[in-house]
């Protein structure tokens, strides 16, 4: 019975670690998706804010007696749009990078789980083989004692 526990225990432990690692990987991947969604929302908010600023710029230009086709107004609007676009892209890129990092951590957790499972199996097999060797050596000792 003790030999069976010696064989089975590491195998069960390895499979348990593998299952826990797979759960952790799923959690990390879900976090990655949430981070990407947050980045997309942030980029959309930036886009809306830029549109509001451009509308305010147009209103202020017209209120001062200017025109939207005035070169100065076009230059200011283009600068605001380009900075807004940069901030949008930066938000998306940052979220994408963070999500990729979480996905990589998930892959690493899965790999560690597989390694723990394989190590448990190998340890169990090793324990089984070493117990067989002990049984075989005990049998050969009995033969020597009692003759055979």
N, C-alpha and C. Protein backbone atom coordinates (compact mmCIF):
# COMPACT_ATOMS: atom_id res chain seq x y z
N UNK A 1 0.82 -1.20 0.00
CA UNK A 1 0.00 0.00 0.00
C UNK A 1 0.87 1.26 0.00
N UNK A 2 1.91 1.22 0.82
CA UNK A 2 2.81 2.38 0.89
C UNK A 2 3.51 2.59 -0.44
N UNK A 3 3.84 1.49 -1.11
CA UNK A 3 4.49 1.60 -2.42
C UNK A 3 3.53 2.23 -3.44
N UNK A 4 2.27 1.85 -3.35
CA UNK A 4 1.28 2.41 -4.28
C UNK A 4 1.14 3.91 -4.06
N UNK A 5 1.11 4.33 -2.81
CA UNK A 5 1.03 5.77 -2.52
C UNK A 5 2.27 6.50 -3.01
N UNK A 6 3.42 5.82 -2.89
CA UNK A 6 4.67 6.41 -3.35
C UNK A 6 4.65 6.62 -4.86
N UNK A 7 3.95 5.76 -5.55
CA UNK A 7 3.85 5.85 -7.01
C UNK A 7 2.76 6.84 -7.42
N UNK A 8 1.61 6.75 -6.78
CA UNK A 8 0.45 7.54 -7.21
C UNK A 8 0.53 8.99 -6.76
N UNK A 9 1.06 9.24 -5.59
CA UNK A 9 1.07 10.58 -5.02
C UNK A 9 1.72 11.63 -5.92
N UNK A 10 2.93 11.42 -6.46
CA UNK A 10 3.51 12.45 -7.32
C UNK A 10 2.73 12.64 -8.62
N UNK A 11 2.13 11.57 -9.13
CA UNK A 11 1.35 11.69 -10.37
C UNK A 11 0.13 12.57 -10.13
N UNK A 12 -0.58 12.30 -9.04
CA UNK A 12 -1.78 13.09 -8.72
C UNK A 12 -1.39 14.55 -8.45
N UNK A 13 -0.30 14.74 -7.74
CA UNK A 13 0.16 16.11 -7.48
C UNK A 13 0.52 16.85 -8.75
N UNK A 14 1.16 16.16 -9.68
CA UNK A 14 1.51 16.79 -10.96
C UNK A 14 0.29 17.19 -11.76
N UNK A 15 -0.72 16.30 -11.77
CA UNK A 15 -1.95 16.62 -12.50
C UNK A 15 -2.69 17.78 -11.82
N UNK A 16 -2.63 17.84 -10.51
CA UNK A 16 -3.26 18.96 -9.79
C UNK A 16 -2.59 20.28 -10.11
N UNK A 17 -1.27 20.27 -10.17
CA UNK A 17 -0.55 21.50 -10.52
C UNK A 17 -0.86 21.92 -11.95
N UNK A 18 -1.00 20.94 -12.84
CA UNK A 18 -1.34 21.25 -14.23
C UNK A 18 -2.71 21.90 -14.32
N UNK A 19 -3.67 21.35 -13.58
CA UNK A 19 -5.03 21.91 -13.59
C UNK A 19 -5.04 23.34 -13.04
N UNK A 20 -4.28 23.57 -11.95
CA UNK A 20 -4.21 24.91 -11.37
C UNK A 20 -3.55 25.89 -12.33
N UNK A 21 -2.54 25.44 -13.05
CA UNK A 21 -1.85 26.30 -14.00
C UNK A 21 -2.76 26.65 -15.18
N UNK A 22 -3.56 25.69 -15.63
CA UNK A 22 -4.50 25.98 -16.72
C UNK A 22 -5.54 27.00 -16.28
N UNK A 23 -6.01 26.90 -15.04
CA UNK A 23 -6.97 27.88 -14.52
C UNK A 23 -6.32 29.26 -14.47
N UNK A 24 -5.09 29.32 -13.96
CA UNK A 24 -4.37 30.60 -13.90
C UNK A 24 -4.20 31.19 -15.30
N UNK A 25 -3.89 30.35 -16.28
CA UNK A 25 -3.73 30.82 -17.65
C UNK A 25 -5.03 31.42 -18.18
N UNK A 26 -6.15 30.77 -17.90
CA UNK A 26 -7.44 31.31 -18.34
C UNK A 26 -7.71 32.67 -17.71
N UNK A 27 -7.37 32.80 -16.43
CA UNK A 27 -7.57 34.07 -15.75
C UNK A 27 -6.71 35.17 -16.37
N UNK A 28 -5.46 34.85 -16.68
CA UNK A 28 -4.56 35.83 -17.29
C UNK A 28 -5.05 36.24 -18.67
N UNK A 29 -5.54 35.28 -19.44
CA UNK A 29 -6.06 35.60 -20.77
C UNK A 29 -7.31 36.48 -20.67
N UNK A 30 -8.15 36.23 -19.69
CA UNK A 30 -9.34 37.07 -19.49
C UNK A 30 -8.93 38.49 -19.10
N UNK A 31 -7.90 38.60 -18.27
CA UNK A 31 -7.40 39.92 -17.90
C UNK A 31 -6.86 40.64 -19.13
N UNK A 32 -6.19 39.90 -20.02
CA UNK A 32 -5.67 40.50 -21.25
C UNK A 32 -6.78 41.05 -22.12
N UNK A 33 -7.86 40.30 -22.23
CA UNK A 33 -9.00 40.78 -23.02
C UNK A 33 -9.60 42.04 -22.40
N UNK A 34 -9.67 42.06 -21.08
CA UNK A 34 -10.22 43.24 -20.39
C UNK A 34 -9.34 44.46 -20.61
N UNK A 35 -8.03 44.26 -20.59
CA UNK A 35 -7.09 45.37 -20.81
C UNK A 35 -7.24 45.90 -22.24
N UNK A 36 -7.38 44.99 -23.21
CA UNK A 36 -7.58 45.43 -24.60
C UNK A 36 -8.87 46.23 -24.75
N UNK A 37 -9.93 45.76 -24.11
CA UNK A 37 -11.21 46.47 -24.19
C UNK A 37 -11.10 47.85 -23.54
N UNK A 38 -10.37 47.92 -22.43
CA UNK A 38 -10.18 49.21 -21.77
C UNK A 38 -9.39 50.16 -22.67
N UNK A 39 -8.38 49.66 -23.35
CA UNK A 39 -7.61 50.49 -24.28
C UNK A 39 -8.46 51.01 -25.42
N UNK A 40 -9.35 50.16 -25.92
CA UNK A 40 -10.25 50.57 -27.00
C UNK A 40 -11.21 51.65 -26.52
N UNK A 41 -11.73 51.48 -25.30
CA UNK A 41 -12.63 52.53 -24.74
C UNK A 41 -11.87 53.84 -24.54
N UNK A 42 -10.64 53.74 -24.08
CA UNK A 42 -9.83 54.94 -23.86
C UNK A 42 -9.58 55.65 -25.19
N UNK A 43 -9.26 54.89 -26.23
CA UNK A 43 -9.03 55.49 -27.55
C UNK A 43 -10.30 56.16 -28.07
N UNK A 44 -11.43 55.52 -27.85
CA UNK A 44 -12.71 56.11 -28.29
C UNK A 44 -13.00 57.40 -27.53
N UNK A 45 -12.71 57.43 -26.24
CA UNK A 45 -12.89 58.66 -25.46
C UNK A 45 -11.99 59.77 -25.96
N UNK A 46 -10.76 59.43 -26.29
CA UNK A 46 -9.83 60.43 -26.84
C UNK A 46 -10.38 60.97 -28.15
N UNK A 47 -10.88 60.08 -29.02
CA UNK A 47 -11.43 60.49 -30.31
C UNK A 47 -12.61 61.45 -30.10
N UNK A 48 -13.50 61.11 -29.15
CA UNK A 48 -14.64 61.99 -28.87
C UNK A 48 -14.20 63.34 -28.33
N UNK A 49 -13.21 63.33 -27.45
CA UNK A 49 -12.71 64.59 -26.89
C UNK A 49 -12.11 65.47 -27.97
N UNK A 50 -11.36 64.87 -28.89
CA UNK A 50 -10.76 65.64 -29.98
C UNK A 50 -11.85 66.25 -30.86
N UNK A 51 -12.90 65.46 -31.14
CA UNK A 51 -14.00 66.00 -31.94
C UNK A 51 -14.67 67.17 -31.23
N UNK A 52 -14.83 67.07 -29.92
CA UNK A 52 -15.39 68.18 -29.15
C UNK A 52 -14.51 69.41 -29.18
N UNK A 53 -13.20 69.20 -29.05
CA UNK A 53 -12.25 70.33 -29.09
C UNK A 53 -12.28 70.99 -30.46
N UNK A 54 -12.34 70.16 -31.52
CA UNK A 54 -12.41 70.74 -32.87
C UNK A 54 -13.70 71.54 -33.07
N UNK A 55 -14.80 71.05 -32.52
CA UNK A 55 -16.06 71.79 -32.60
C UNK A 55 -15.96 73.12 -31.86
N UNK A 56 -15.34 73.08 -30.66
CA UNK A 56 -15.16 74.32 -29.90
C UNK A 56 -14.25 75.30 -30.64
N UNK A 57 -13.21 74.74 -31.30
CA UNK A 57 -12.29 75.59 -32.07
C UNK A 57 -13.02 76.26 -33.22
N UNK A 58 -13.88 75.51 -33.89
CA UNK A 58 -14.65 76.07 -35.00
C UNK A 58 -15.59 77.16 -34.50
N UNK A 59 -16.25 76.90 -33.38
CA UNK A 59 -17.18 77.89 -32.82
C UNK A 59 -16.43 79.16 -32.42
N UNK A 60 -15.27 78.99 -31.79
CA UNK A 60 -14.50 80.16 -31.35
C UNK A 60 -13.98 80.95 -32.55
N UNK A 61 -13.56 80.25 -33.60
CA UNK A 61 -13.06 80.93 -34.80
C UNK A 61 -14.17 81.74 -35.46
N UNK A 62 -15.34 81.13 -35.60
CA UNK A 62 -16.47 81.81 -36.24
C UNK A 62 -16.96 82.98 -35.36
N UNK A 63 -16.94 82.80 -34.03
CA UNK A 63 -17.39 83.85 -33.12
C UNK A 63 -16.48 85.08 -33.21
N UNK A 64 -15.23 84.85 -33.54
CA UNK A 64 -14.29 85.98 -33.65
C UNK A 64 -14.29 86.59 -35.05
N UNK A 65 -15.19 86.10 -35.91
CA UNK A 65 -15.31 86.65 -37.25
C UNK A 65 -14.40 85.96 -38.25
N UNK A 66 -13.80 84.85 -37.88
CA UNK A 66 -12.91 84.12 -38.78
C UNK A 66 -13.68 83.10 -39.59
N UNK A 67 -12.90 82.29 -40.30
CA UNK A 67 -13.49 81.27 -41.15
C UNK A 67 -12.76 79.94 -40.93
N UNK A 68 -13.47 78.84 -41.16
CA UNK A 68 -12.85 77.53 -41.05
C UNK A 68 -11.78 77.30 -42.11
N UNK A 69 -11.88 78.03 -43.21
CA UNK A 69 -10.92 77.86 -44.30
C UNK A 69 -9.69 78.77 -44.12
N UNK A 70 -9.65 79.51 -43.01
CA UNK A 70 -8.49 80.37 -42.70
C UNK A 70 -7.27 79.45 -42.47
N UNK A 71 -6.11 79.76 -43.06
CA UNK A 71 -4.94 78.90 -42.90
C UNK A 71 -4.54 78.67 -41.44
N UNK A 72 -4.68 79.67 -40.60
CA UNK A 72 -4.35 79.50 -39.18
C UNK A 72 -5.28 78.52 -38.50
N UNK A 73 -6.57 78.60 -38.82
CA UNK A 73 -7.56 77.69 -38.23
C UNK A 73 -7.32 76.26 -38.72
N UNK A 74 -6.99 76.12 -39.99
CA UNK A 74 -6.72 74.79 -40.55
C UNK A 74 -5.48 74.19 -39.88
N UNK A 75 -4.45 75.02 -39.69
CA UNK A 75 -3.21 74.55 -39.07
C UNK A 75 -3.47 74.11 -37.62
N UNK A 76 -4.23 74.92 -36.86
CA UNK A 76 -4.55 74.54 -35.47
C UNK A 76 -5.37 73.27 -35.42
N UNK A 77 -6.36 73.14 -36.28
CA UNK A 77 -7.20 71.95 -36.32
C UNK A 77 -6.38 70.71 -36.68
N UNK A 78 -5.47 70.87 -37.64
CA UNK A 78 -4.63 69.73 -38.04
C UNK A 78 -3.70 69.31 -36.90
N UNK A 79 -3.18 70.27 -36.15
CA UNK A 79 -2.30 69.95 -35.02
C UNK A 79 -3.09 69.20 -33.93
N UNK A 80 -4.30 69.68 -33.65
CA UNK A 80 -5.13 69.03 -32.64
C UNK A 80 -5.49 67.61 -33.09
N UNK A 81 -5.85 67.45 -34.36
CA UNK A 81 -6.19 66.13 -34.88
C UNK A 81 -5.00 65.17 -34.82
N UNK A 82 -3.82 65.67 -35.19
CA UNK A 82 -2.65 64.77 -35.20
C UNK A 82 -2.26 64.35 -33.78
N UNK A 83 -2.34 65.28 -32.83
CA UNK A 83 -2.05 64.91 -31.44
C UNK A 83 -3.09 63.95 -30.90
N UNK A 84 -4.34 64.18 -31.26
CA UNK A 84 -5.40 63.27 -30.83
C UNK A 84 -5.21 61.88 -31.41
N UNK A 85 -4.85 61.81 -32.69
CA UNK A 85 -4.62 60.51 -33.34
C UNK A 85 -3.44 59.80 -32.68
N UNK A 86 -2.39 60.55 -32.36
CA UNK A 86 -1.24 59.95 -31.68
C UNK A 86 -1.65 59.38 -30.33
N UNK A 87 -2.42 60.15 -29.57
CA UNK A 87 -2.87 59.67 -28.25
C UNK A 87 -3.77 58.43 -28.37
N UNK A 88 -4.62 58.40 -29.39
CA UNK A 88 -5.46 57.22 -29.64
C UNK A 88 -4.59 56.00 -29.89
N UNK A 89 -3.64 56.16 -30.81
CA UNK A 89 -2.76 55.04 -31.16
C UNK A 89 -1.92 54.60 -29.96
N UNK A 90 -1.47 55.56 -29.16
CA UNK A 90 -0.68 55.22 -27.97
C UNK A 90 -1.51 54.42 -26.98
N UNK A 91 -2.78 54.79 -26.81
CA UNK A 91 -3.65 54.05 -25.90
C UNK A 91 -3.87 52.62 -26.40
N UNK A 92 -4.11 52.49 -27.71
CA UNK A 92 -4.31 51.15 -28.27
C UNK A 92 -3.04 50.31 -28.19
N UNK A 93 -1.91 50.93 -28.49
CA UNK A 93 -0.64 50.20 -28.45
C UNK A 93 -0.31 49.75 -27.03
N UNK A 94 -0.47 50.67 -26.07
CA UNK A 94 -0.17 50.32 -24.68
C UNK A 94 -1.05 49.18 -24.18
N UNK A 95 -2.33 49.24 -24.51
CA UNK A 95 -3.24 48.18 -24.09
C UNK A 95 -2.89 46.87 -24.79
N UNK A 96 -2.53 46.95 -26.06
CA UNK A 96 -2.16 45.75 -26.80
C UNK A 96 -0.91 45.09 -26.23
N UNK A 97 0.06 45.92 -25.87
CA UNK A 97 1.30 45.38 -25.30
C UNK A 97 1.04 44.74 -23.94
N UNK A 98 0.24 45.40 -23.13
CA UNK A 98 -0.08 44.85 -21.81
C UNK A 98 -0.85 43.54 -21.95
N UNK A 99 -1.79 43.50 -22.90
CA UNK A 99 -2.57 42.27 -23.12
C UNK A 99 -1.66 41.15 -23.63
N UNK A 100 -0.73 41.49 -24.50
CA UNK A 100 0.20 40.47 -25.00
C UNK A 100 1.05 39.92 -23.87
N UNK A 101 1.46 40.78 -22.95
CA UNK A 101 2.23 40.33 -21.80
C UNK A 101 1.43 39.37 -20.93
N UNK A 102 0.16 39.67 -20.74
CA UNK A 102 -0.70 38.77 -19.95
C UNK A 102 -0.92 37.44 -20.67
N UNK A 103 -1.08 37.49 -22.00
CA UNK A 103 -1.23 36.24 -22.75
C UNK A 103 0.05 35.40 -22.65
N UNK A 104 1.20 36.05 -22.71
CA UNK A 104 2.47 35.32 -22.57
C UNK A 104 2.60 34.70 -21.18
N UNK A 105 2.17 35.43 -20.16
CA UNK A 105 2.18 34.86 -18.80
C UNK A 105 1.27 33.64 -18.73
N UNK A 106 0.13 33.70 -19.43
CA UNK A 106 -0.78 32.56 -19.49
C UNK A 106 -0.14 31.36 -20.15
N UNK A 107 0.57 31.61 -21.26
CA UNK A 107 1.27 30.50 -21.93
C UNK A 107 2.33 29.90 -21.02
N UNK A 108 3.05 30.77 -20.31
CA UNK A 108 4.09 30.29 -19.39
C UNK A 108 3.48 29.46 -18.27
N UNK A 109 2.33 29.89 -17.75
CA UNK A 109 1.66 29.13 -16.68
C UNK A 109 1.24 27.75 -17.21
N UNK A 110 0.70 27.71 -18.43
CA UNK A 110 0.31 26.42 -19.01
C UNK A 110 1.54 25.51 -19.16
N UNK A 111 2.63 26.09 -19.63
CA UNK A 111 3.85 25.30 -19.82
C UNK A 111 4.35 24.76 -18.48
N UNK A 112 4.35 25.61 -17.45
CA UNK A 112 4.79 25.15 -16.13
C UNK A 112 3.88 24.03 -15.61
N UNK A 113 2.60 24.14 -15.88
CA UNK A 113 1.67 23.09 -15.48
C UNK A 113 1.96 21.77 -16.17
N UNK A 114 2.23 21.85 -17.48
CA UNK A 114 2.57 20.62 -18.21
C UNK A 114 3.86 20.01 -17.68
N UNK A 115 4.82 20.88 -17.37
CA UNK A 115 6.09 20.38 -16.84
C UNK A 115 5.89 19.72 -15.47
N UNK A 116 5.06 20.32 -14.64
CA UNK A 116 4.78 19.74 -13.31
C UNK A 116 4.08 18.39 -13.47
N UNK A 117 3.13 18.33 -14.40
CA UNK A 117 2.43 17.06 -14.66
C UNK A 117 3.42 16.00 -15.13
N UNK A 118 4.27 16.36 -16.09
CA UNK A 118 5.26 15.39 -16.60
C UNK A 118 6.25 14.98 -15.53
N UNK A 119 6.65 15.93 -14.70
CA UNK A 119 7.58 15.61 -13.61
C UNK A 119 6.93 14.65 -12.62
N UNK A 120 5.65 14.87 -12.32
CA UNK A 120 4.93 13.97 -11.41
C UNK A 120 4.84 12.56 -11.98
N UNK A 121 4.56 12.48 -13.28
CA UNK A 121 4.49 11.17 -13.92
C UNK A 121 5.84 10.47 -13.86
N UNK A 122 6.88 11.22 -14.20
CA UNK A 122 8.22 10.63 -14.21
C UNK A 122 8.65 10.21 -12.80
N UNK A 123 8.31 11.02 -11.83
CA UNK A 123 8.66 10.67 -10.45
C UNK A 123 7.90 9.41 -10.01
N UNK A 124 6.63 9.33 -10.37
CA UNK A 124 5.84 8.14 -10.05
C UNK A 124 6.40 6.90 -10.72
N UNK A 125 6.79 7.04 -12.00
CA UNK A 125 7.39 5.91 -12.70
C UNK A 125 8.71 5.52 -12.05
N UNK A 126 9.49 6.53 -11.69
CA UNK A 126 10.77 6.26 -11.01
C UNK A 126 10.55 5.54 -9.69
N UNK A 127 9.57 5.99 -8.94
CA UNK A 127 9.26 5.32 -7.65
C UNK A 127 8.81 3.88 -7.89
N UNK A 128 8.02 3.68 -8.94
CA UNK A 128 7.55 2.33 -9.25
C UNK A 128 8.73 1.42 -9.61
N UNK A 129 9.61 1.96 -10.46
CA UNK A 129 10.76 1.15 -10.88
C UNK A 129 11.71 0.87 -9.72
N UNK A 130 11.92 1.87 -8.86
CA UNK A 130 12.82 1.64 -7.73
C UNK A 130 12.20 0.67 -6.73
N UNK A 131 10.87 0.69 -6.59
CA UNK A 131 10.23 -0.28 -5.69
C UNK A 131 10.34 -1.68 -6.28
N UNK A 132 10.30 -1.78 -7.59
CA UNK A 132 10.47 -3.08 -8.23
C UNK A 132 11.88 -3.60 -8.04
N UNK A 133 12.83 -2.70 -8.09
CA UNK A 133 14.23 -3.09 -7.88
C UNK A 133 14.42 -3.61 -6.46
N UNK A 134 13.78 -2.94 -5.48
CA UNK A 134 13.87 -3.39 -4.08
C UNK A 134 13.24 -4.76 -3.92
N UNK A 135 12.10 -4.97 -4.57
CA UNK A 135 11.42 -6.27 -4.49
C UNK A 135 12.28 -7.35 -5.14
N UNK A 136 12.91 -7.00 -6.26
CA UNK A 136 13.76 -7.98 -6.94
C UNK A 136 14.98 -8.32 -6.10
N UNK A 137 15.59 -7.32 -5.47
CA UNK A 137 16.77 -7.60 -4.64
C UNK A 137 16.39 -8.39 -3.39
N UNK A 138 15.18 -8.12 -2.85
CA UNK A 138 14.73 -8.90 -1.70
C UNK A 138 14.51 -10.35 -2.10
N UNK A 139 13.98 -10.56 -3.29
CA UNK A 139 13.76 -11.92 -3.77
C UNK A 139 15.06 -12.67 -3.98
N UNK A 140 16.06 -11.97 -4.51
CA UNK A 140 17.34 -12.64 -4.73
C UNK A 140 18.03 -12.94 -3.40
N UNK A 141 17.82 -12.10 -2.39
CA UNK A 141 18.39 -12.37 -1.06
C UNK A 141 17.74 -13.61 -0.46
N UNK A 142 16.44 -13.75 -0.66
CA UNK A 142 15.72 -14.92 -0.14
C UNK A 142 16.26 -16.19 -0.80
N UNK A 143 16.54 -16.09 -2.10
CA UNK A 143 17.09 -17.25 -2.78
C UNK A 143 18.45 -17.65 -2.23
N UNK A 144 19.25 -16.63 -1.91
CA UNK A 144 20.57 -16.93 -1.35
C UNK A 144 20.46 -17.59 0.02
N UNK A 145 19.53 -17.09 0.83
CA UNK A 145 19.38 -17.59 2.19
C UNK A 145 18.86 -19.03 2.17
N UNK A 146 17.80 -19.25 1.38
CA UNK A 146 17.15 -20.55 1.40
C UNK A 146 17.65 -21.47 0.30
N UNK A 147 18.51 -20.93 -0.51
CA UNK A 147 19.07 -21.75 -1.59
C UNK A 147 18.06 -21.90 -2.71
N UNK A 148 18.51 -21.95 -3.86
CA UNK A 148 17.56 -22.09 -4.94
C UNK A 148 18.20 -22.34 -6.25
